[in-house]
Amino acid sequence: MKNTNKITGTGKIITTLSIVTLAVAAVGLSACKKKEEDATGPMEELGKKMDEKLDKVGEKIDEQADKVEKKIEDVGKEIEKGANKVKEKVADGADKVSKKLRDEPKENDANK
């Protein structure tokens, strides 16, 4: 028996169709791939602009937060000053009451 590799008419058609299909698929797939420098589409541009705007907004928020923090520190210092004044007044009042209480028994002894 002779074993020969013969491609029949149907085999030729199938082989040709397979080659053509592979060639079309290769061309189609290579057409889908974009180069890096050409990859800037409208959505990517929009994304970049949004990133820039968000960065600017973040900077403004940080600036305002710093201003608020300084105001809070200033208010805290004013509250501390006020609290110290109140403490001094209470201490002065307590001293006066204490002195009066000490002097009262002497006045009562003198009146007897």
N, C-alpha and C. Protein backbone atom coordinates (compact mmCIF):
# COMPACT_ATOMS: atom_id res chain seq x y z
N MET A 1 0.82 -1.18 0.00
CA MET A 1 0.00 0.00 0.00
C MET A 1 0.87 1.24 0.00
N LYS A 2 0.48 2.09 -0.89
CA LYS A 2 1.19 3.35 -0.97
C LYS A 2 0.46 4.37 -0.14
N ASN A 3 1.24 5.05 0.65
CA ASN A 3 0.65 6.09 1.49
C ASN A 3 1.12 7.43 0.95
N THR A 4 0.23 8.13 0.31
CA THR A 4 0.58 9.45 -0.25
C THR A 4 -0.31 10.50 0.37
N ASN A 5 0.26 11.64 0.49
CA ASN A 5 -0.51 12.77 1.03
C ASN A 5 -1.12 13.53 -0.13
N LYS A 6 -2.34 13.20 -0.41
CA LYS A 6 -3.04 13.89 -1.47
C LYS A 6 -4.15 14.71 -0.85
N ILE A 7 -4.27 15.93 -1.33
CA ILE A 7 -5.38 16.78 -0.86
C ILE A 7 -6.43 16.73 -1.93
N THR A 8 -7.57 16.30 -1.54
CA THR A 8 -8.68 16.19 -2.47
C THR A 8 -9.27 17.56 -2.74
N GLY A 9 -10.22 17.67 -3.59
CA GLY A 9 -10.87 18.95 -3.94
C GLY A 9 -11.50 19.60 -2.73
N THR A 10 -12.18 18.79 -1.92
CA THR A 10 -12.81 19.32 -0.72
C THR A 10 -11.75 19.74 0.28
N GLY A 11 -10.71 19.01 0.39
CA GLY A 11 -9.60 19.32 1.30
C GLY A 11 -8.94 20.63 0.92
N LYS A 12 -8.81 20.87 -0.42
CA LYS A 12 -8.21 22.11 -0.87
C LYS A 12 -9.07 23.31 -0.47
N ILE A 13 -10.34 23.17 -0.61
CA ILE A 13 -11.27 24.26 -0.26
C ILE A 13 -11.21 24.54 1.24
N ILE A 14 -11.21 23.49 2.04
CA ILE A 14 -11.16 23.65 3.50
C ILE A 14 -9.85 24.30 3.91
N THR A 15 -8.75 23.85 3.30
CA THR A 15 -7.43 24.41 3.61
C THR A 15 -7.38 25.88 3.20
N THR A 16 -7.86 26.20 2.04
CA THR A 16 -7.86 27.58 1.56
C THR A 16 -8.73 28.46 2.45
N LEU A 17 -9.91 27.98 2.82
CA LEU A 17 -10.80 28.75 3.70
C LEU A 17 -10.16 28.96 5.07
N SER A 18 -9.46 27.96 5.57
CA SER A 18 -8.79 28.09 6.87
C SER A 18 -7.72 29.16 6.81
N ILE A 19 -6.92 29.14 5.75
CA ILE A 19 -5.84 30.13 5.60
C ILE A 19 -6.43 31.53 5.48
N VAL A 20 -7.46 31.67 4.67
CA VAL A 20 -8.11 32.98 4.49
C VAL A 20 -8.72 33.45 5.80
N THR A 21 -9.35 32.57 6.53
CA THR A 21 -9.96 32.93 7.81
C THR A 21 -8.90 33.39 8.80
N LEU A 22 -7.80 32.67 8.89
CA LEU A 22 -6.71 33.07 9.78
C LEU A 22 -6.12 34.42 9.37
N ALA A 23 -5.97 34.65 8.09
CA ALA A 23 -5.40 35.91 7.60
C ALA A 23 -6.33 37.07 7.94
N VAL A 24 -7.63 36.89 7.72
CA VAL A 24 -8.61 37.94 8.04
C VAL A 24 -8.63 38.21 9.53
N ALA A 25 -8.58 37.17 10.33
CA ALA A 25 -8.58 37.34 11.79
C ALA A 25 -7.32 38.07 12.24
N ALA A 26 -6.18 37.75 11.68
CA ALA A 26 -4.92 38.41 12.04
C ALA A 26 -4.96 39.89 11.68
N VAL A 27 -5.45 40.21 10.49
CA VAL A 27 -5.56 41.61 10.07
C VAL A 27 -6.56 42.35 10.96
N GLY A 28 -7.66 41.72 11.25
CA GLY A 28 -8.68 42.35 12.11
C GLY A 28 -8.18 42.63 13.50
N LEU A 29 -7.49 41.67 14.07
CA LEU A 29 -6.96 41.86 15.43
C LEU A 29 -5.86 42.90 15.47
N SER A 30 -5.03 42.95 14.45
CA SER A 30 -3.96 43.94 14.45
C SER A 30 -4.53 45.34 14.24
N ALA A 31 -5.65 45.47 13.59
CA ALA A 31 -6.28 46.77 13.38
C ALA A 31 -6.89 47.29 14.68
N CYS A 32 -7.25 46.42 15.59
CA CYS A 32 -7.85 46.83 16.87
C CYS A 32 -6.82 47.41 17.82
N LYS A 33 -5.58 47.04 17.67
CA LYS A 33 -4.54 47.49 18.59
C LYS A 33 -4.12 48.90 18.22
N LYS A 34 -4.17 49.83 19.24
CA LYS A 34 -3.77 51.20 19.01
C LYS A 34 -2.35 51.41 19.49
N LYS A 35 -1.68 52.33 18.87
CA LYS A 35 -0.36 52.72 19.34
C LYS A 35 -0.55 53.58 20.57
N GLU A 36 0.45 53.59 21.45
CA GLU A 36 0.37 54.35 22.70
C GLU A 36 0.19 55.84 22.45
N GLU A 37 0.90 56.41 21.47
CA GLU A 37 0.80 57.83 21.25
C GLU A 37 -0.53 58.23 20.64
N ASP A 38 -1.22 57.29 19.99
CA ASP A 38 -2.53 57.58 19.39
C ASP A 38 -3.68 57.20 20.31
N ALA A 39 -3.39 56.80 21.53
CA ALA A 39 -4.42 56.27 22.43
C ALA A 39 -5.18 57.37 23.16
N THR A 40 -5.07 58.63 22.74
CA THR A 40 -5.73 59.72 23.43
C THR A 40 -7.07 60.00 22.74
N GLY A 41 -8.09 59.35 23.26
CA GLY A 41 -9.43 59.56 22.73
C GLY A 41 -10.16 60.62 23.53
N PRO A 42 -11.38 60.93 23.16
CA PRO A 42 -12.14 61.97 23.87
C PRO A 42 -12.43 61.62 25.32
N MET A 43 -12.66 60.36 25.61
CA MET A 43 -12.94 59.97 27.00
C MET A 43 -11.68 60.08 27.85
N GLU A 44 -10.53 59.74 27.25
CA GLU A 44 -9.29 59.84 28.01
C GLU A 44 -8.97 61.31 28.28
N GLU A 45 -9.21 62.17 27.30
CA GLU A 45 -9.00 63.61 27.50
C GLU A 45 -9.91 64.13 28.60
N LEU A 46 -11.17 63.69 28.58
CA LEU A 46 -12.12 64.09 29.61
C LEU A 46 -11.65 63.61 30.99
N GLY A 47 -11.14 62.40 31.04
CA GLY A 47 -10.63 61.85 32.31
C GLY A 47 -9.46 62.66 32.83
N LYS A 48 -8.56 63.06 31.93
CA LYS A 48 -7.41 63.88 32.35
C LYS A 48 -7.86 65.23 32.88
N LYS A 49 -8.82 65.84 32.18
CA LYS A 49 -9.33 67.14 32.62
C LYS A 49 -10.01 67.02 33.98
N MET A 50 -10.75 65.94 34.17
CA MET A 50 -11.42 65.73 35.46
C MET A 50 -10.39 65.56 36.57
N ASP A 51 -9.32 64.82 36.30
CA ASP A 51 -8.26 64.64 37.29
C ASP A 51 -7.64 65.97 37.67
N GLU A 52 -7.37 66.82 36.65
CA GLU A 52 -6.78 68.14 36.92
C GLU A 52 -7.72 68.99 37.78
N LYS A 53 -9.00 68.98 37.44
CA LYS A 53 -9.98 69.77 38.20
C LYS A 53 -10.09 69.25 39.63
N LEU A 54 -10.09 67.94 39.79
CA LEU A 54 -10.19 67.36 41.13
C LEU A 54 -8.96 67.71 41.97
N ASP A 55 -7.79 67.74 41.33
CA ASP A 55 -6.58 68.15 42.04
C ASP A 55 -6.69 69.60 42.52
N LYS A 56 -7.20 70.48 41.64
CA LYS A 56 -7.37 71.89 42.01
C LYS A 56 -8.37 72.03 43.15
N VAL A 57 -9.46 71.27 43.07
CA VAL A 57 -10.47 71.32 44.14
C VAL A 57 -9.86 70.83 45.45
N GLY A 58 -9.06 69.79 45.39
CA GLY A 58 -8.40 69.27 46.59
C GLY A 58 -7.47 70.31 47.21
N GLU A 59 -6.75 71.04 46.36
CA GLU A 59 -5.86 72.10 46.87
C GLU A 59 -6.67 73.20 47.56
N LYS A 60 -7.78 73.59 46.95
CA LYS A 60 -8.63 74.64 47.53
C LYS A 60 -9.21 74.17 48.88
N ILE A 61 -9.60 72.92 48.94
CA ILE A 61 -10.14 72.38 50.20
C ILE A 61 -9.06 72.41 51.28
N ASP A 62 -7.84 72.03 50.91
CA ASP A 62 -6.73 72.07 51.88
C ASP A 62 -6.48 73.48 52.37
N GLU A 63 -6.51 74.47 51.45
CA GLU A 63 -6.31 75.87 51.84
C GLU A 63 -7.39 76.32 52.82
N GLN A 64 -8.63 75.99 52.51
CA GLN A 64 -9.74 76.40 53.38
C GLN A 64 -9.66 75.69 54.73
N ALA A 65 -9.25 74.43 54.71
CA ALA A 65 -9.12 73.68 55.97
C ALA A 65 -8.04 74.32 56.85
N ASP A 66 -6.95 74.79 56.22
CA ASP A 66 -5.90 75.46 56.98
C ASP A 66 -6.43 76.76 57.61
N LYS A 67 -7.24 77.50 56.84
CA LYS A 67 -7.81 78.75 57.36
C LYS A 67 -8.75 78.46 58.53
N VAL A 68 -9.57 77.44 58.39
CA VAL A 68 -10.50 77.08 59.46
C VAL A 68 -9.73 76.64 60.69
N GLU A 69 -8.67 75.86 60.50
CA GLU A 69 -7.87 75.40 61.63
C GLU A 69 -7.27 76.59 62.38
N LYS A 70 -6.78 77.59 61.66
CA LYS A 70 -6.20 78.78 62.29
C LYS A 70 -7.27 79.54 63.08
N LYS A 71 -8.46 79.68 62.50
CA LYS A 71 -9.56 80.36 63.19
C LYS A 71 -9.93 79.62 64.47
N ILE A 72 -9.97 78.30 64.39
CA ILE A 72 -10.31 77.50 65.58
C ILE A 72 -9.24 77.69 66.66
N GLU A 73 -7.98 77.72 66.24
CA GLU A 73 -6.90 77.96 67.22
C GLU A 73 -7.05 79.33 67.86
N ASP A 74 -7.38 80.35 67.04
CA ASP A 74 -7.57 81.70 67.58
C ASP A 74 -8.73 81.74 68.57
N VAL A 75 -9.82 81.09 68.23
CA VAL A 75 -10.98 81.04 69.13
C VAL A 75 -10.61 80.31 70.41
N GLY A 76 -9.85 79.24 70.29
CA GLY A 76 -9.40 78.49 71.47
C GLY A 76 -8.57 79.35 72.40
N LYS A 77 -7.69 80.18 71.83
CA LYS A 77 -6.87 81.08 72.65
C LYS A 77 -7.74 82.11 73.36
N GLU A 78 -8.75 82.65 72.66
CA GLU A 78 -9.66 83.62 73.27
C GLU A 78 -10.47 82.98 74.40
N ILE A 79 -10.90 81.75 74.19
CA ILE A 79 -11.65 81.04 75.24
C ILE A 79 -10.75 80.82 76.45
N GLU A 80 -9.50 80.46 76.20
CA GLU A 80 -8.56 80.25 77.30
C GLU A 80 -8.32 81.54 78.08
N LYS A 81 -8.19 82.67 77.37
CA LYS A 81 -8.03 83.96 78.04
C LYS A 81 -9.26 84.26 78.90
N GLY A 82 -10.44 84.06 78.33
CA GLY A 82 -11.69 84.29 79.07
C GLY A 82 -11.79 83.39 80.29
N ALA A 83 -11.41 82.13 80.13
CA ALA A 83 -11.47 81.19 81.25
C ALA A 83 -10.51 81.62 82.36
N ASN A 84 -9.33 82.11 81.98
CA ASN A 84 -8.37 82.58 82.99
C ASN A 84 -8.91 83.80 83.75
N LYS A 85 -9.59 84.70 83.03
CA LYS A 85 -10.19 85.87 83.68
C LYS A 85 -11.27 85.44 84.67
N VAL A 86 -12.09 84.48 84.24
CA VAL A 86 -13.16 83.98 85.13
C VAL A 86 -12.53 83.32 86.35
N LYS A 87 -11.48 82.55 86.15
CA LYS A 87 -10.80 81.88 87.25
C LYS A 87 -10.25 82.91 88.25
N GLU A 88 -9.66 83.98 87.73
CA GLU A 88 -9.12 85.03 88.60
C GLU A 88 -10.25 85.70 89.40
N LYS A 89 -11.36 85.99 88.73
CA LYS A 89 -12.50 86.63 89.42
C LYS A 89 -13.06 85.72 90.51
N VAL A 90 -13.18 84.43 90.18
CA VAL A 90 -13.69 83.49 91.18
C VAL A 90 -12.72 83.40 92.36
N ALA A 91 -11.42 83.37 92.07
CA ALA A 91 -10.42 83.31 93.15
C ALA A 91 -10.48 84.58 94.00
N ASP A 92 -10.61 85.76 93.36
CA ASP A 92 -10.74 87.01 94.11
C ASP A 92 -11.98 87.00 94.98
N GLY A 93 -13.08 86.52 94.40
CA GLY A 93 -14.33 86.44 95.17
C GLY A 93 -14.20 85.49 96.33
N ALA A 94 -13.56 84.35 96.10
CA ALA A 94 -13.37 83.38 97.17
C ALA A 94 -12.48 83.96 98.27
N ASP A 95 -11.46 84.71 97.88
CA ASP A 95 -10.60 85.37 98.88
C ASP A 95 -11.40 86.36 99.71
N LYS A 96 -12.25 87.15 99.08
CA LYS A 96 -13.06 88.14 99.81
C LYS A 96 -14.01 87.45 100.78
N VAL A 97 -14.65 86.37 100.30
CA VAL A 97 -15.58 85.64 101.18
C VAL A 97 -14.81 85.03 102.34
N SER A 98 -13.66 84.46 102.06
CA SER A 98 -12.86 83.85 103.10
C SER A 98 -12.42 84.89 104.13
N LYS A 99 -11.99 86.03 103.67
CA LYS A 99 -11.57 87.10 104.58
C LYS A 99 -12.74 87.58 105.43
N LYS A 100 -13.89 87.72 104.78
CA LYS A 100 -15.08 88.16 105.51
C LYS A 100 -15.45 87.15 106.58
N LEU A 101 -15.38 85.87 106.25
CA LEU A 101 -15.72 84.83 107.22
C LEU A 101 -14.72 84.82 108.39
N ARG A 102 -13.46 85.11 108.11
CA ARG A 102 -12.46 85.16 109.19
C ARG A 102 -12.68 86.39 110.08
N ASP A 103 -13.05 87.51 109.44
CA ASP A 103 -13.23 88.75 110.20
C ASP A 103 -14.54 88.76 110.97
N GLU A 104 -15.53 88.04 110.55
CA GLU A 104 -16.85 88.04 111.18
C GLU A 104 -16.80 87.56 112.63
N PRO A 105 -16.11 86.49 112.94
CA PRO A 105 -16.07 86.05 114.34
C PRO A 105 -15.42 87.11 115.24
N LYS A 106 -14.45 87.84 114.75
CA LYS A 106 -13.80 88.89 115.53
C LYS A 106 -14.79 90.01 115.82
N GLU A 107 -15.61 90.34 114.82
CA GLU A 107 -16.62 91.40 115.01
C GLU A 107 -17.66 90.95 116.01
N ASN A 108 -18.06 89.66 115.94
CA ASN A 108 -19.04 89.14 116.89
C ASN A 108 -18.48 89.13 118.31
N ASP A 109 -17.19 88.83 118.46
CA ASP A 109 -16.55 88.84 119.79
C ASP A 109 -16.45 90.25 120.33
N ALA A 110 -16.23 91.19 119.45
CA ALA A 110 -16.11 92.59 119.90
C ALA A 110 -17.45 93.14 120.32
N ASN A 111 -18.52 92.66 119.75
CA ASN A 111 -19.87 93.14 120.07
C ASN A 111 -20.37 92.51 121.37
N LYS A 112 -19.79 91.51 121.86
CA LYS A 112 -20.29 90.84 123.05
C LYS A 112 -19.88 91.52 124.27
